[in-house]
Amino acid sequence: MAVVQDKLLKQAEVKELLQVSDATLETWRHKGQGPRFCKVGKSVRYRLSDVMAYIDSRMHSSTKEAAA
């Protein structure tokens, strides 16, 4: 079974995937940081593809590169 890249994830799923707290995700949303998200009614959802793009954008080859 193939993974659906645009599956909508709940905050609990994203915090587990990224190993961060609810407060961190909420702070990132407030500051415009972190993965892109959408509102479905009052609920916050994240597309799997956006979470993966966020992770990919933070990949580095060296510590010098990461510090830049």
PDB file of N, CA and C in Angstrom:
ATOM      1  N   MET A   1       0.840  -1.180   0.000  1.00  0.00           N
ATOM      2  CA  MET A   1       0.000   0.000   0.000  1.00  0.00           C
ATOM      3  C   MET A   1       0.891   1.250   0.000  1.00  0.00           C
ATOM      4  N   ALA A   2       0.660   2.139  -0.905  1.00  0.00           N
ATOM      5  CA  ALA A   2       1.463   3.356  -1.042  1.00  0.00           C
ATOM      6  C   ALA A   2       1.047   4.395  -0.004  1.00  0.00           C
ATOM      7  N   VAL A   3       2.014   5.180   0.451  1.00  0.00           N
ATOM      8  CA  VAL A   3       1.728   6.267   1.382  1.00  0.00           C
ATOM      9  C   VAL A   3       1.162   7.433   0.583  1.00  0.00           C
ATOM     10  N   VAL A   4       0.086   7.999   1.067  1.00  0.00           N
ATOM     11  CA  VAL A   4      -0.524   9.152   0.412  1.00  0.00           C
ATOM     12  C   VAL A   4       0.189  10.406   0.899  1.00  0.00           C
ATOM     13  N   GLN A   5       0.893  11.091   0.002  1.00  0.00           N
ATOM     14  CA  GLN A   5       1.698  12.251   0.375  1.00  0.00           C
ATOM     15  C   GLN A   5       0.860  13.413   0.904  1.00  0.00           C
ATOM     16  N   ASP A   6      -0.366  13.555   0.470  1.00  0.00           N
ATOM     17  CA  ASP A   6      -1.166  14.683   0.911  1.00  0.00           C
ATOM     18  C   ASP A   6      -2.190  14.298   1.966  1.00  0.00           C
ATOM     19  N   LYS A   7      -1.917  13.226   2.671  1.00  0.00           N
ATOM     20  CA  LYS A   7      -2.757  12.837   3.795  1.00  0.00           C
ATOM     21  C   LYS A   7      -2.695  13.957   4.832  1.00  0.00           C
ATOM     22  N   LEU A   8      -3.839  14.294   5.419  1.00  0.00           N
ATOM     23  CA  LEU A   8      -3.863  15.316   6.462  1.00  0.00           C
ATOM     24  C   LEU A   8      -3.570  14.673   7.806  1.00  0.00           C
ATOM     25  N   LEU A   9      -2.587  15.233   8.499  1.00  0.00           N
ATOM     26  CA  LEU A   9      -2.168  14.717   9.792  1.00  0.00           C
ATOM     27  C   LEU A   9      -2.683  15.615  10.912  1.00  0.00           C
ATOM     28  N   LYS A  10      -3.032  15.005  12.023  1.00  0.00           N
ATOM     29  CA  LYS A  10      -3.404  15.748  13.220  1.00  0.00           C
ATOM     30  C   LYS A  10      -2.133  16.242  13.905  1.00  0.00           C
ATOM     31  N   GLN A  11      -2.294  17.248  14.769  1.00  0.00           N
ATOM     32  CA  GLN A  11      -1.148  17.798  15.484  1.00  0.00           C
ATOM     33  C   GLN A  11      -0.416  16.708  16.259  1.00  0.00           C
ATOM     34  N   ALA A  12      -1.149  15.794  16.882  1.00  0.00           N
ATOM     35  CA  ALA A  12      -0.517  14.726  17.666  1.00  0.00           C
ATOM     36  C   ALA A  12       0.396  13.868  16.799  1.00  0.00           C
ATOM     37  N   GLU A  13      -0.007  13.626  15.547  1.00  0.00           N
ATOM     38  CA  GLU A  13       0.817  12.828  14.644  1.00  0.00           C
ATOM     39  C   GLU A  13       2.084  13.584  14.241  1.00  0.00           C
ATOM     40  N   VAL A  14       1.952  14.890  14.029  1.00  0.00           N
ATOM     41  CA  VAL A  14       3.097  15.701  13.618  1.00  0.00           C
ATOM     42  C   VAL A  14       4.083  15.862  14.771  1.00  0.00           C
ATOM     43  N   LYS A  15       3.572  16.075  15.971  1.00  0.00           N
ATOM     44  CA  LYS A  15       4.491  16.239  17.107  1.00  0.00           C
ATOM     45  C   LYS A  15       5.261  14.956  17.366  1.00  0.00           C
ATOM     46  N   GLU A  16       4.625  13.806  17.131  1.00  0.00           N
ATOM     47  CA  GLU A  16       5.331  12.527  17.281  1.00  0.00           C
ATOM     48  C   GLU A  16       6.377  12.357  16.184  1.00  0.00           C
ATOM     49  N   LEU A  17       6.015  12.714  14.973  1.00  0.00           N
ATOM     50  CA  LEU A  17       6.941  12.582  13.848  1.00  0.00           C
ATOM     51  C   LEU A  17       8.162  13.485  14.024  1.00  0.00           C
ATOM     52  N   LEU A  18       7.949  14.714  14.461  1.00  0.00           N
ATOM     53  CA  LEU A  18       9.041  15.681  14.614  1.00  0.00           C
ATOM     54  C   LEU A  18       9.695  15.633  15.992  1.00  0.00           C
ATOM     55  N   GLN A  19       9.086  14.893  16.915  1.00  0.00           N
ATOM     56  CA  GLN A  19       9.602  14.791  18.287  1.00  0.00           C
ATOM     57  C   GLN A  19       9.680  16.162  18.961  1.00  0.00           C
ATOM     58  N   VAL A  20       8.571  16.915  18.864  1.00  0.00           N
ATOM     59  CA  VAL A  20       8.446  18.210  19.522  1.00  0.00           C
ATOM     60  C   VAL A  20       7.146  18.219  20.320  1.00  0.00           C
ATOM     61  N   SER A  21       6.982  19.226  21.143  1.00  0.00           N
ATOM     62  CA  SER A  21       5.781  19.327  21.980  1.00  0.00           C
ATOM     63  C   SER A  21       4.654  20.064  21.256  1.00  0.00           C
ATOM     64  N   ASP A  22       3.451  19.959  21.824  1.00  0.00           N
ATOM     65  CA  ASP A  22       2.316  20.739  21.317  1.00  0.00           C
ATOM     66  C   ASP A  22       2.651  22.223  21.359  1.00  0.00           C
ATOM     67  N   ALA A  23       3.270  22.655  22.468  1.00  0.00           N
ATOM     68  CA  ALA A  23       3.606  24.071  22.626  1.00  0.00           C
ATOM     69  C   ALA A  23       4.554  24.545  21.526  1.00  0.00           C
ATOM     70  N   THR A  24       5.496  23.703  21.138  1.00  0.00           N
ATOM     71  CA  THR A  24       6.431  24.068  20.062  1.00  0.00           C
ATOM     72  C   THR A  24       5.684  24.258  18.750  1.00  0.00           C
ATOM     73  N   LEU A  25       4.812  23.317  18.408  1.00  0.00           N
ATOM     74  CA  LEU A  25       4.033  23.451  17.166  1.00  0.00           C
ATOM     75  C   LEU A  25       3.166  24.709  17.204  1.00  0.00           C
ATOM     76  N   GLU A  26       2.559  24.984  18.342  1.00  0.00           N
ATOM     77  CA  GLU A  26       1.707  26.170  18.473  1.00  0.00           C
ATOM     78  C   GLU A  26       2.531  27.448  18.340  1.00  0.00           C
ATOM     79  N   THR A  27       3.715  27.470  18.930  1.00  0.00           N
ATOM     80  CA  THR A  27       4.610  28.633  18.815  1.00  0.00           C
ATOM     81  C   THR A  27       5.041  28.823  17.370  1.00  0.00           C
ATOM     82  N   TRP A  28       5.419  27.731  16.713  1.00  0.00           N
ATOM     83  CA  TRP A  28       5.815  27.827  15.306  1.00  0.00           C
ATOM     84  C   TRP A  28       4.690  28.399  14.457  1.00  0.00           C
ATOM     85  N   ARG A  29       3.460  27.933  14.676  1.00  0.00           N
ATOM     86  CA  ARG A  29       2.326  28.466  13.896  1.00  0.00           C
ATOM     87  C   ARG A  29       2.154  29.951  14.148  1.00  0.00           C
ATOM     88  N   HIS A  30       2.236  30.361  15.393  1.00  0.00           N
ATOM     89  CA  HIS A  30       2.060  31.773  15.755  1.00  0.00           C
ATOM     90  C   HIS A  30       3.135  32.652  15.112  1.00  0.00           C
ATOM     91  N   LYS A  31       4.364  32.141  15.048  1.00  0.00           N
ATOM     92  CA  LYS A  31       5.486  32.907  14.494  1.00  0.00           C
ATOM     93  C   LYS A  31       5.672  32.712  12.991  1.00  0.00           C
ATOM     94  N   GLY A  32       4.856  31.843  12.376  1.00  0.00           N
ATOM     95  CA  GLY A  32       5.010  31.588  10.941  1.00  0.00           C
ATOM     96  C   GLY A  32       6.190  30.699  10.634  1.00  0.00           C
ATOM     97  N   GLN A  33       6.581  29.863  11.584  1.00  0.00           N
ATOM     98  CA  GLN A  33       7.684  28.922  11.406  1.00  0.00           C
ATOM     99  C   GLN A  33       7.096  27.515  11.319  1.00  0.00           C
ATOM    100  N   GLY A  34       7.966  26.537  11.191  1.00  0.00           N
ATOM    101  CA  GLY A  34       7.513  25.148  11.165  1.00  0.00           C
ATOM    102  C   GLY A  34       6.834  24.794   9.865  1.00  0.00           C
ATOM    103  N   PRO A  35       6.289  23.585   9.796  1.00  0.00           N
ATOM    104  CA  PRO A  35       5.630  23.145   8.562  1.00  0.00           C
ATOM    105  C   PRO A  35       4.350  23.932   8.298  1.00  0.00           C
ATOM    106  N   ARG A  36       4.010  24.056   7.037  1.00  0.00           N
ATOM    107  CA  ARG A  36       2.750  24.699   6.654  1.00  0.00           C
ATOM    108  C   ARG A  36       1.596  23.897   7.239  1.00  0.00           C
ATOM    109  N   PHE A  37       0.497  24.562   7.520  1.00  0.00           N
ATOM    110  CA  PHE A  37      -0.667  23.902   8.109  1.00  0.00           C
ATOM    111  C   PHE A  37      -1.935  24.483   7.508  1.00  0.00           C
ATOM    112  N   CYS A  38      -3.042  23.839   7.770  1.00  0.00           N
ATOM    113  CA  CYS A  38      -4.333  24.369   7.347  1.00  0.00           C
ATOM    114  C   CYS A  38      -5.320  24.210   8.492  1.00  0.00           C
ATOM    115  N   LYS A  39      -6.359  24.992   8.446  1.00  0.00           N
ATOM    116  CA  LYS A  39      -7.424  24.896   9.431  1.00  0.00           C
ATOM    117  C   LYS A  39      -8.608  24.203   8.774  1.00  0.00           C
ATOM    118  N   VAL A  40      -9.132  23.206   9.443  1.00  0.00           N
ATOM    119  CA  VAL A  40     -10.342  22.509   9.000  1.00  0.00           C
ATOM    120  C   VAL A  40     -11.342  22.717  10.130  1.00  0.00           C
ATOM    121  N   GLY A  41     -12.216  23.694   9.939  1.00  0.00           N
ATOM    122  CA  GLY A  41     -13.064  24.109  11.050  1.00  0.00           C
ATOM    123  C   GLY A  41     -12.160  24.727  12.106  1.00  0.00           C
ATOM    124  N   LYS A  42     -12.227  24.215  13.338  1.00  0.00           N
ATOM    125  CA  LYS A  42     -11.358  24.697  14.410  1.00  0.00           C
ATOM    126  C   LYS A  42     -10.106  23.853  14.561  1.00  0.00           C
ATOM    127  N   SER A  43     -10.005  22.802  13.776  1.00  0.00           N
ATOM    128  CA  SER A  43      -8.881  21.873  13.888  1.00  0.00           C
ATOM    129  C   SER A  43      -7.723  22.286  12.986  1.00  0.00           C
ATOM    130  N   VAL A  44      -6.516  22.051  13.471  1.00  0.00           N
ATOM    131  CA  VAL A  44      -5.305  22.295  12.693  1.00  0.00           C
ATOM    132  C   VAL A  44      -4.884  20.969  12.077  1.00  0.00           C
ATOM    133  N   ARG A  45      -4.557  20.996  10.794  1.00  0.00           N
ATOM    134  CA  ARG A  45      -4.088  19.807  10.096  1.00  0.00           C
ATOM    135  C   ARG A  45      -2.848  20.162   9.292  1.00  0.00           C
ATOM    136  N   TYR A  46      -2.004  19.169   9.089  1.00  0.00           N
ATOM    137  CA  TYR A  46      -0.770  19.317   8.324  1.00  0.00           C
ATOM    138  C   TYR A  46      -0.774  18.296   7.202  1.00  0.00           C
ATOM    139  N   ARG A  47      -0.452  18.726   5.989  1.00  0.00           N
ATOM    140  CA  ARG A  47      -0.287  17.750   4.910  1.00  0.00           C
ATOM    141  C   ARG A  47       1.035  17.026   5.123  1.00  0.00           C
ATOM    142  N   LEU A  48       1.015  15.726   4.929  1.00  0.00           N
ATOM    143  CA  LEU A  48       2.228  14.934   5.071  1.00  0.00           C
ATOM    144  C   LEU A  48       3.328  15.484   4.170  1.00  0.00           C
ATOM    145  N   SER A  49       2.983  15.887   2.960  1.00  0.00           N
ATOM    146  CA  SER A  49       3.992  16.409   2.029  1.00  0.00           C
ATOM    147  C   SER A  49       4.632  17.692   2.566  1.00  0.00           C
ATOM    148  N   ASP A  50       3.870  18.532   3.269  1.00  0.00           N
ATOM    149  CA  ASP A  50       4.429  19.756   3.843  1.00  0.00           C
ATOM    150  C   ASP A  50       5.353  19.448   5.016  1.00  0.00           C
ATOM    151  N   VAL A  51       4.997  18.464   5.824  1.00  0.00           N
ATOM    152  CA  VAL A  51       5.863  18.074   6.941  1.00  0.00           C
ATOM    153  C   VAL A  51       7.174  17.505   6.405  1.00  0.00           C
ATOM    154  N   MET A  52       7.088  16.674   5.374  1.00  0.00           N
ATOM    155  CA  MET A  52       8.299  16.097   4.789  1.00  0.00           C
ATOM    156  C   MET A  52       9.159  17.182   4.140  1.00  0.00           C
ATOM    157  N   ALA A  53       8.536  18.168   3.496  1.00  0.00           N
ATOM    158  CA  ALA A  53       9.284  19.280   2.901  1.00  0.00           C
ATOM    159  C   ALA A  53       9.977  20.098   3.986  1.00  0.00           C
ATOM    160  N   TYR A  54       9.315  20.286   5.120  1.00  0.00           N
ATOM    161  CA  TYR A  54       9.922  21.001   6.247  1.00  0.00           C
ATOM    162  C   TYR A  54      11.161  20.256   6.732  1.00  0.00           C
ATOM    163  N   ILE A  55      11.048  18.948   6.875  1.00  0.00           N
ATOM    164  CA  ILE A  55      12.194  18.138   7.301  1.00  0.00           C
ATOM    165  C   ILE A  55      13.316  18.245   6.270  1.00  0.00           C
ATOM    166  N   ASP A  56      12.991  18.087   4.994  1.00  0.00           N
ATOM    167  CA  ASP A  56      13.998  18.154   3.930  1.00  0.00           C
ATOM    168  C   ASP A  56      14.713  19.503   3.906  1.00  0.00           C
ATOM    169  N   SER A  57      13.985  20.574   4.202  1.00  0.00           N
ATOM    170  CA  SER A  57      14.590  21.908   4.160  1.00  0.00           C
ATOM    171  C   SER A  57      15.587  22.133   5.294  1.00  0.00           C
ATOM    172  N   ARG A  58      15.578  21.258   6.276  1.00  0.00           N
ATOM    173  CA  ARG A  58      16.483  21.390   7.407  1.00  0.00           C
ATOM    174  C   ARG A  58      17.602  20.367   7.413  1.00  0.00           C
ATOM    175  N   MET A  59      17.771  19.670   6.307  1.00  0.00           N
ATOM    176  CA  MET A  59      18.849  18.684   6.180  1.00  0.00           C
ATOM    177  C   MET A  59      20.149  19.419   5.837  1.00  0.00           C
ATOM    178  N   HIS A  60      21.229  19.004   6.476  1.00  0.00           N
ATOM    179  CA  HIS A  60      22.531  19.637   6.274  1.00  0.00           C
ATOM    180  C   HIS A  60      23.602  18.568   6.075  1.00  0.00           C
ATOM    181  N   SER A  61      24.662  18.944   5.398  1.00  0.00           N
ATOM    182  CA  SER A  61      25.784  18.042   5.161  1.00  0.00           C
ATOM    183  C   SER A  61      26.902  18.214   6.171  1.00  0.00           C
ATOM    184  N   SER A  62      26.916  19.364   6.852  1.00  0.00           N
ATOM    185  CA  SER A  62      27.967  19.631   7.840  1.00  0.00           C
ATOM    186  C   SER A  62      27.432  20.575   8.901  1.00  0.00           C
ATOM    187  N   THR A  63      28.123  20.635  10.037  1.00  0.00           N
ATOM    188  CA  THR A  63      27.722  21.568  11.080  1.00  0.00           C
ATOM    189  C   THR A  63      27.941  23.012  10.655  1.00  0.00           C
ATOM    190  N   LYS A  64      28.941  23.245   9.824  1.00  0.00           N
ATOM    191  CA  LYS A  64      29.190  24.598   9.314  1.00  0.00           C
ATOM    192  C   LYS A  64      27.999  25.065   8.472  1.00  0.00           C
ATOM    193  N   GLU A  65      27.494  24.179   7.635  1.00  0.00           N
ATOM    194  CA  GLU A  65      26.338  24.493   6.806  1.00  0.00           C
ATOM    195  C   GLU A  65      25.115  24.768   7.680  1.00  0.00           C
ATOM    196  N   ALA A  66      24.928  23.996   8.725  1.00  0.00           N
ATOM    197  CA  ALA A  66      23.779  24.155   9.609  1.00  0.00           C
ATOM    198  C   ALA A  66      23.819  25.481  10.350  1.00  0.00           C
ATOM    199  N   ALA A  67      25.011  25.990  10.650  1.00  0.00           N
ATOM    200  CA  ALA A  67      25.152  27.237  11.392  1.00  0.00           C
ATOM    201  C   ALA A  67      24.867  28.460  10.537  1.00  0.00           C
ATOM    202  N   ALA A  68      24.935  28.308   9.232  1.00  0.00           N
ATOM    203  CA  ALA A  68      24.748  29.451   8.320  1.00  0.00           C
ATOM    204  C   ALA A  68      23.305  29.916   8.260  1.00  0.00           C
TER     205      ALA A  68
END
